[in-house]
């Protein structure tokens, strides 16, 4: 390589280096900002997760402390004072308050809470269905017959989380209305449910026999 070629190459390299430095001087802040945002974002996420974990623990501790109250009335009052923090915390707290009111004999107060949850379209379906189920069980025979069976039919649809429990309540409703044949039919449906617990299966079998039905020796249904 001649001295001229060598000189040209050195100049070219210097020009490239100058252009690179100029580029970094002009746009380097973008890379620095990106690093800061990435590091800051990760730190914020960790802080947020830690805060949510702490809030959940505090909520759980407050609920446990409230549940230690000696009487149902005291439990209901203590639970009602617990700060839920998050929307899902409020519905859990309210369900527990309703349960405490039931234990204390305040059926009207419990139903007011359960009906409010069931009617709240902003709540997840599982909480609304649970509130609806508890309300229909609590009302029992005092509820209009057609409405009671309609609500239980809706809850007992395939795929619903409280299907099996709703089927049991539907069978009991038919029994209360004096329709043993329909009650037995529903009970046999329970025996075919894969999600039915062993205790529920045993109750269904016992009720079938008690209502005059027979069990299939091969399947127990």
C-alpha atoms as a PDB file:
ATOM      1  CA  UNK A   1       0.000   0.000   0.000  1.00  0.00           C
ATOM      2  CA  UNK A   2       1.382   3.411  -0.969  1.00  0.00           C
ATOM      3  CA  UNK A   3       1.741   6.291   1.434  1.00  0.00           C
ATOM      4  CA  UNK A   4      -1.045   8.091  -0.446  1.00  0.00           C
ATOM      5  CA  UNK A   5      -3.452   5.162  -0.042  1.00  0.00           C
ATOM      6  CA  UNK A   6      -2.529   4.860   3.619  1.00  0.00           C
ATOM      7  CA  UNK A   7      -3.139   8.557   4.163  1.00  0.00           C
ATOM      8  CA  UNK A   8      -6.526   8.402   2.416  1.00  0.00           C
ATOM      9  CA  UNK A   9      -7.565   5.404   4.523  1.00  0.00           C
ATOM     10  CA  UNK A  10      -6.579   7.189   7.738  1.00  0.00           C
ATOM     11  CA  UNK A  11      -8.524  10.283   6.697  1.00  0.00           C
ATOM     12  CA  UNK A  12     -11.549   8.173   5.765  1.00  0.00           C
ATOM     13  CA  UNK A  13     -11.431   6.376   9.114  1.00  0.00           C
ATOM     14  CA  UNK A  14     -11.133   9.704  10.934  1.00  0.00           C
ATOM     15  CA  UNK A  15     -14.133  11.052   9.035  1.00  0.00           C
ATOM     16  CA  UNK A  16     -16.146   7.940   9.973  1.00  0.00           C
ATOM     17  CA  UNK A  17     -15.126   8.370  13.612  1.00  0.00           C
ATOM     18  CA  UNK A  18     -16.104  12.028  13.563  1.00  0.00           C
ATOM     19  CA  UNK A  19     -19.475  11.168  12.029  1.00  0.00           C
ATOM     20  CA  UNK A  20     -20.043   8.487  14.664  1.00  0.00           C
ATOM     21  CA  UNK A  21     -19.216  10.882  17.490  1.00  0.00           C
ATOM     22  CA  UNK A  22     -21.463  13.500  15.955  1.00  0.00           C
ATOM     23  CA  UNK A  23     -24.268  10.966  15.721  1.00  0.00           C
ATOM     24  CA  UNK A  24     -23.891  10.051  19.397  1.00  0.00           C
ATOM     25  CA  UNK A  25     -23.739  13.697  20.398  1.00  0.00           C
ATOM     26  CA  UNK A  26     -26.989  14.310  18.512  1.00  0.00           C
ATOM     27  CA  UNK A  27     -28.928  11.130  19.270  1.00  0.00           C
ATOM     28  CA  UNK A  28     -27.109   9.504  22.168  1.00  0.00           C
ATOM     29  CA  UNK A  29     -29.640  10.918  24.637  1.00  0.00           C
ATOM     30  CA  UNK A  30     -32.267   8.633  23.097  1.00  0.00           C
ATOM     31  CA  UNK A  31     -30.281   5.535  24.023  1.00  0.00           C
ATOM     32  CA  UNK A  32     -29.642   6.899  27.515  1.00  0.00           C
ATOM     33  CA  UNK A  33     -33.328   7.716  27.923  1.00  0.00           C
ATOM     34  CA  UNK A  34     -34.272   4.213  26.745  1.00  0.00           C
ATOM     35  CA  UNK A  35     -31.971   2.666  29.357  1.00  0.00           C
ATOM     36  CA  UNK A  36     -33.378   4.931  32.073  1.00  0.00           C
ATOM     37  CA  UNK A  37     -36.949   4.044  31.073  1.00  0.00           C
ATOM     38  CA  UNK A  38     -36.222   0.318  31.034  1.00  0.00           C
ATOM     39  CA  UNK A  39     -34.485   0.387  34.415  1.00  0.00           C
ATOM     40  CA  UNK A  40     -37.070   2.768  35.847  1.00  0.00           C
ATOM     41  CA  UNK A  41     -39.954   0.695  34.486  1.00  0.00           C
ATOM     42  CA  UNK A  42     -38.567  -2.470  36.017  1.00  0.00           C
ATOM     43  CA  UNK A  43     -38.086  -0.713  39.357  1.00  0.00           C
ATOM     44  CA  UNK A  44     -41.633   0.692  39.215  1.00  0.00           C
ATOM     45  CA  UNK A  45     -43.103  -2.748  38.456  1.00  0.00           C
ATOM     46  CA  UNK A  46     -41.257  -4.257  41.396  1.00  0.00           C
ATOM     47  CA  UNK A  47     -42.441  -1.428  43.642  1.00  0.00           C
ATOM     48  CA  UNK A  48     -46.030  -1.815  42.415  1.00  0.00           C
ATOM     49  CA  UNK A  49     -45.969  -5.585  42.954  1.00  0.00           C
ATOM     50  CA  UNK A  50     -44.546  -5.143  46.443  1.00  0.00           C
ATOM     51  CA  UNK A  51     -47.204  -2.555  47.266  1.00  0.00           C
ATOM     52  CA  UNK A  52     -50.027  -4.788  45.982  1.00  0.00           C
ATOM     53  CA  UNK A  53     -48.650  -7.759  47.930  1.00  0.00           C
ATOM     54  CA  UNK A  54     -48.449  -5.685  51.096  1.00  0.00           C
ATOM     55  CA  UNK A  55     -52.006  -4.380  50.566  1.00  0.00           C
ATOM     56  CA  UNK A  56     -53.336  -7.898  50.013  1.00  0.00           C
ATOM     57  CA  UNK A  57     -51.608  -9.125  53.154  1.00  0.00           C
ATOM     58  CA  UNK A  58     -52.976  -6.218  55.152  1.00  0.00           C
ATOM     59  CA  UNK A  59     -56.488  -6.903  53.828  1.00  0.00           C
ATOM     60  CA  UNK A  60     -56.203 -10.594  54.690  1.00  0.00           C
ATOM     61  CA  UNK A  61     -54.937  -9.840  58.182  1.00  0.00           C
ATOM     62  CA  UNK A  62     -57.790  -7.383  58.776  1.00  0.00           C
ATOM     63  CA  UNK A  63     -60.350  -9.940  57.582  1.00  0.00           C
ATOM     64  CA  UNK A  64     -58.914 -12.645  59.841  1.00  0.00           C
ATOM     65  CA  UNK A  65     -58.938 -10.304  62.810  1.00  0.00           C
ATOM     66  CA  UNK A  66     -62.567  -9.329  62.128  1.00  0.00           C
ATOM     67  CA  UNK A  67     -63.593 -12.989  61.870  1.00  0.00           C
ATOM     68  CA  UNK A  68     -62.246 -13.568  65.386  1.00  0.00           C
ATOM     69  CA  UNK A  69     -65.046 -11.443  66.894  1.00  0.00           C
ATOM     70  CA  UNK A  70     -67.068 -13.495  69.352  1.00  0.00           C
ATOM     71  CA  UNK A  71     -70.587 -12.897  68.035  1.00  0.00           C
ATOM     72  CA  UNK A  72     -72.004 -12.831  64.492  1.00  0.00           C
ATOM     73  CA  UNK A  73     -73.152  -9.257  65.004  1.00  0.00           C
ATOM     74  CA  UNK A  74     -69.671  -8.200  66.095  1.00  0.00           C
ATOM     75  CA  UNK A  75     -68.141 -10.047  63.129  1.00  0.00           C
ATOM     76  CA  UNK A  76     -70.481  -8.317  60.695  1.00  0.00           C
ATOM     77  CA  UNK A  77     -69.668  -4.908  62.197  1.00  0.00           C
ATOM     78  CA  UNK A  78     -65.912  -5.561  62.201  1.00  0.00           C
ATOM     79  CA  UNK A  79     -65.914  -6.885  58.632  1.00  0.00           C
ATOM     80  CA  UNK A  80     -67.888  -3.881  57.385  1.00  0.00           C
ATOM     81  CA  UNK A  81     -65.121  -1.593  58.696  1.00  0.00           C
ATOM     82  CA  UNK A  82     -62.349  -3.408  56.804  1.00  0.00           C
ATOM     83  CA  UNK A  83     -60.980  -1.289  53.969  1.00  0.00           C
ATOM     84  CA  UNK A  84     -61.127  -3.429  50.802  1.00  0.00           C
ATOM     85  CA  UNK A  85     -58.477  -1.543  48.865  1.00  0.00           C
ATOM     86  CA  UNK A  86     -59.375  -3.172  45.543  1.00  0.00           C
ATOM     87  CA  UNK A  87     -62.790  -3.830  43.910  1.00  0.00           C
ATOM     88  CA  UNK A  88     -62.451  -7.596  44.277  1.00  0.00           C
ATOM     89  CA  UNK A  89     -61.600  -7.079  47.939  1.00  0.00           C
ATOM     90  CA  UNK A  90     -64.872  -5.234  48.478  1.00  0.00           C
ATOM     91  CA  UNK A  91     -67.038  -8.010  47.063  1.00  0.00           C
ATOM     92  CA  UNK A  92     -65.222 -10.643  49.133  1.00  0.00           C
ATOM     93  CA  UNK A  93     -65.662  -8.525  52.249  1.00  0.00           C
ATOM     94  CA  UNK A  94     -69.357  -7.936  51.499  1.00  0.00           C
ATOM     95  CA  UNK A  95     -69.982 -11.656  51.017  1.00  0.00           C
ATOM     96  CA  UNK A  96     -68.403 -12.314  54.404  1.00  0.00           C
ATOM     97  CA  UNK A  97     -70.524  -9.568  55.969  1.00  0.00           C
ATOM     98  CA  UNK A  98     -73.632 -11.192  54.477  1.00  0.00           C
ATOM     99  CA  UNK A  99     -72.584 -14.554  55.927  1.00  0.00           C
ATOM    100  CA  UNK A 100     -72.092 -13.027  59.369  1.00  0.00           C
ATOM    101  CA  UNK A 101     -75.510 -11.396  59.169  1.00  0.00           C
ATOM    102  CA  UNK A 102     -77.082 -14.753  58.305  1.00  0.00           C
ATOM    103  CA  UNK A 103     -75.375 -16.306  61.327  1.00  0.00           C
ATOM    104  CA  UNK A 104     -76.773 -13.482  63.458  1.00  0.00           C
ATOM    105  CA  UNK A 105     -80.311 -13.943  62.161  1.00  0.00           C
ATOM    106  CA  UNK A 106     -80.344 -10.753  60.087  1.00  0.00           C
ATOM    107  CA  UNK A 107     -81.736 -12.345  56.935  1.00  0.00           C
ATOM    108  CA  UNK A 108     -83.026  -9.062  55.535  1.00  0.00           C
ATOM    109  CA  UNK A 109     -79.640  -7.370  55.898  1.00  0.00           C
ATOM    110  CA  UNK A 110     -77.866 -10.319  54.301  1.00  0.00           C
ATOM    111  CA  UNK A 111     -80.247 -10.382  51.341  1.00  0.00           C
ATOM    112  CA  UNK A 112     -79.786  -6.667  50.736  1.00  0.00           C
ATOM    113  CA  UNK A 113     -76.037  -7.231  50.377  1.00  0.00           C
ATOM    114  CA  UNK A 114     -76.387 -10.351  48.241  1.00  0.00           C
ATOM    115  CA  UNK A 115     -78.946  -8.764  45.925  1.00  0.00           C
ATOM    116  CA  UNK A 116     -76.709  -5.715  45.473  1.00  0.00           C
ATOM    117  CA  UNK A 117     -73.752  -7.899  44.488  1.00  0.00           C
ATOM    118  CA  UNK A 118     -75.877  -9.988  42.118  1.00  0.00           C
ATOM    119  CA  UNK A 119     -77.165  -6.850  40.398  1.00  0.00           C
ATOM    120  CA  UNK A 120     -73.742  -5.207  40.046  1.00  0.00           C
ATOM    121  CA  UNK A 121     -72.715  -5.690  36.418  1.00  0.00           C
ATOM    122  CA  UNK A 122     -69.175  -4.484  37.179  1.00  0.00           C
ATOM    123  CA  UNK A 123     -68.465  -7.536  39.318  1.00  0.00           C
ATOM    124  CA  UNK A 124     -67.050 -10.793  37.885  1.00  0.00           C
ATOM    125  CA  UNK A 125     -69.733 -13.359  37.025  1.00  0.00           C
ATOM    126  CA  UNK A 126     -68.502 -15.839  39.612  1.00  0.00           C
ATOM    127  CA  UNK A 127     -69.195 -13.405  42.473  1.00  0.00           C
ATOM    128  CA  UNK A 128     -72.568 -12.440  41.059  1.00  0.00           C
ATOM    129  CA  UNK A 129     -73.560 -16.086  40.655  1.00  0.00           C
ATOM    130  CA  UNK A 130     -72.378 -16.891  44.179  1.00  0.00           C
ATOM    131  CA  UNK A 131     -74.448 -14.030  45.586  1.00  0.00           C
ATOM    132  CA  UNK A 132     -77.466 -15.138  43.539  1.00  0.00           C
ATOM    133  CA  UNK A 133     -77.075 -18.726  44.741  1.00  0.00           C
ATOM    134  CA  UNK A 134     -76.782 -17.707  48.389  1.00  0.00           C
ATOM    135  CA  UNK A 135     -79.820 -15.450  48.062  1.00  0.00           C
ATOM    136  CA  UNK A 136     -82.052 -18.101  46.502  1.00  0.00           C
ATOM    137  CA  UNK A 137     -81.022 -20.629  49.172  1.00  0.00           C
ATOM    138  CA  UNK A 138     -81.637 -18.085  51.906  1.00  0.00           C
ATOM    139  CA  UNK A 139     -85.087 -17.190  50.590  1.00  0.00           C
ATOM    140  CA  UNK A 140     -86.125 -20.830  50.106  1.00  0.00           C
ATOM    141  CA  UNK A 141     -89.869 -21.442  49.996  1.00  0.00           C
ATOM    142  CA  UNK A 142     -90.595 -17.777  50.707  1.00  0.00           C
ATOM    143  CA  UNK A 143     -89.541 -17.065  47.133  1.00  0.00           C
ATOM    144  CA  UNK A 144     -92.033 -17.260  44.296  1.00  0.00           C
ATOM    145  CA  UNK A 145     -92.008 -20.838  43.013  1.00  0.00           C
ATOM    146  CA  UNK A 146     -91.634 -19.992  39.334  1.00  0.00           C
ATOM    147  CA  UNK A 147     -88.912 -17.416  40.001  1.00  0.00           C
ATOM    148  CA  UNK A 148     -87.060 -19.754  42.366  1.00  0.00           C
ATOM    149  CA  UNK A 149     -86.929 -22.589  39.841  1.00  0.00           C
ATOM    150  CA  UNK A 150     -86.016 -20.180  37.041  1.00  0.00           C
ATOM    151  CA  UNK A 151     -83.050 -18.809  38.996  1.00  0.00           C
ATOM    152  CA  UNK A 152     -81.875 -22.321  39.874  1.00  0.00           C
ATOM    153  CA  UNK A 153     -82.241 -23.392  36.230  1.00  0.00           C
ATOM    154  CA  UNK A 154     -79.995 -20.510  35.185  1.00  0.00           C
ATOM    155  CA  UNK A 155     -77.393 -21.348  37.825  1.00  0.00           C
ATOM    156  CA  UNK A 156     -77.518 -25.044  36.873  1.00  0.00           C
ATOM    157  CA  UNK A 157     -76.611 -24.458  33.232  1.00  0.00           C
ATOM    158  CA  UNK A 158     -73.637 -26.441  31.940  1.00  0.00           C
ATOM    159  CA  UNK A 159     -70.353 -24.681  32.558  1.00  0.00           C
ATOM    160  CA  UNK A 160     -71.564 -22.529  35.436  1.00  0.00           C
ATOM    161  CA  UNK A 161     -69.390 -22.767  38.571  1.00  0.00           C
ATOM    162  CA  UNK A 162     -72.316 -23.538  40.895  1.00  0.00           C
ATOM    163  CA  UNK A 163     -74.123 -25.958  38.589  1.00  0.00           C
ATOM    164  CA  UNK A 164     -73.952 -28.997  40.882  1.00  0.00           C
ATOM    165  CA  UNK A 165     -74.951 -27.082  44.017  1.00  0.00           C
ATOM    166  CA  UNK A 166     -77.828 -25.490  42.102  1.00  0.00           C
ATOM    167  CA  UNK A 167     -79.027 -28.925  40.949  1.00  0.00           C
ATOM    168  CA  UNK A 168     -79.142 -30.087  44.563  1.00  0.00           C
ATOM    169  CA  UNK A 169     -81.179 -27.018  45.549  1.00  0.00           C
ATOM    170  CA  UNK A 170     -83.471 -27.593  42.583  1.00  0.00           C
ATOM    171  CA  UNK A 171     -84.117 -31.176  43.709  1.00  0.00           C
ATOM    172  CA  UNK A 172     -84.869 -29.963  47.229  1.00  0.00           C
ATOM    173  CA  UNK A 173     -87.233 -27.334  45.814  1.00  0.00           C
ATOM    174  CA  UNK A 174     -89.182 -29.962  43.857  1.00  0.00           C
ATOM    175  CA  UNK A 175     -89.377 -32.067  47.005  1.00  0.00           C
ATOM    176  CA  UNK A 176     -90.729 -29.100  48.979  1.00  0.00           C
ATOM    177  CA  UNK A 177     -93.337 -28.550  46.252  1.00  0.00           C
ATOM    178  CA  UNK A 178     -94.382 -32.202  46.497  1.00  0.00           C
ATOM    179  CA  UNK A 179     -93.020 -33.279  43.111  1.00  0.00           C
ATOM    180  CA  UNK A 180     -90.868 -36.273  44.089  1.00  0.00           C
ATOM    181  CA  UNK A 181     -90.564 -37.587  40.545  1.00  0.00           C
ATOM    182  CA  UNK A 182     -88.909 -34.409  39.280  1.00  0.00           C
ATOM    183  CA  UNK A 183     -86.757 -34.283  42.394  1.00  0.00           C
ATOM    184  CA  UNK A 184     -85.499 -37.803  41.697  1.00  0.00           C
ATOM    185  CA  UNK A 185     -84.826 -36.922  38.056  1.00  0.00           C
ATOM    186  CA  UNK A 186     -82.647 -33.986  39.104  1.00  0.00           C
ATOM    187  CA  UNK A 187     -80.874 -36.114  41.709  1.00  0.00           C
ATOM    188  CA  UNK A 188     -80.022 -38.689  39.057  1.00  0.00           C
ATOM    189  CA  UNK A 189     -78.503 -35.874  37.005  1.00  0.00           C
ATOM    190  CA  UNK A 190     -76.237 -35.050  39.946  1.00  0.00           C
ATOM    191  CA  UNK A 191     -74.990 -38.652  40.014  1.00  0.00           C
ATOM    192  CA  UNK A 192     -73.735 -38.181  36.453  1.00  0.00           C
ATOM    193  CA  UNK A 193     -71.904 -34.931  37.189  1.00  0.00           C
ATOM    194  CA  UNK A 194     -68.089 -35.299  37.108  1.00  0.00           C
ATOM    195  CA  UNK A 195     -67.671 -32.310  39.454  1.00  0.00           C
ATOM    196  CA  UNK A 196     -69.970 -33.659  42.176  1.00  0.00           C
ATOM    197  CA  UNK A 197     -68.177 -34.288  45.465  1.00  0.00           C
ATOM    198  CA  UNK A 198     -68.385 -37.636  47.194  1.00  0.00           C
ATOM    199  CA  UNK A 199     -70.508 -36.125  49.952  1.00  0.00           C
ATOM    200  CA  UNK A 200     -72.980 -34.683  47.455  1.00  0.00           C
ATOM    201  CA  UNK A 201     -73.184 -37.988  45.585  1.00  0.00           C
ATOM    202  CA  UNK A 202     -73.991 -39.791  48.820  1.00  0.00           C
ATOM    203  CA  UNK A 203     -76.680 -37.245  49.718  1.00  0.00           C
ATOM    204  CA  UNK A 204     -78.206 -37.573  46.251  1.00  0.00           C
ATOM    205  CA  UNK A 205     -78.306 -41.375  46.544  1.00  0.00           C
ATOM    206  CA  UNK A 206     -79.875 -41.199  49.999  1.00  0.00           C
ATOM    207  CA  UNK A 207     -82.500 -38.717  48.827  1.00  0.00           C
ATOM    208  CA  UNK A 208     -83.383 -40.870  45.819  1.00  0.00           C
ATOM    209  CA  UNK A 209     -84.080 -43.822  48.094  1.00  0.00           C
ATOM    210  CA  UNK A 210     -85.884 -41.650  50.665  1.00  0.00           C
ATOM    211  CA  UNK A 211     -88.182 -40.281  47.953  1.00  0.00           C
ATOM    212  CA  UNK A 212     -89.101 -43.757  46.752  1.00  0.00           C
ATOM    213  CA  UNK A 213     -86.613 -44.129  43.918  1.00  0.00           C
ATOM    214  CA  UNK A 214     -84.228 -46.989  43.298  1.00  0.00           C
ATOM    215  CA  UNK A 215     -80.513 -47.064  42.647  1.00  0.00           C
ATOM    216  CA  UNK A 216     -78.873 -48.843  39.742  1.00  0.00           C
ATOM    217  CA  UNK A 217     -76.541 -51.416  41.357  1.00  0.00           C
ATOM    218  CA  UNK A 218     -74.059 -50.970  38.523  1.00  0.00           C
ATOM    219  CA  UNK A 219     -73.814 -47.195  38.645  1.00  0.00           C
ATOM    220  CA  UNK A 220     -75.284 -46.290  42.022  1.00  0.00           C
ATOM    221  CA  UNK A 221     -77.841 -44.102  40.245  1.00  0.00           C
END
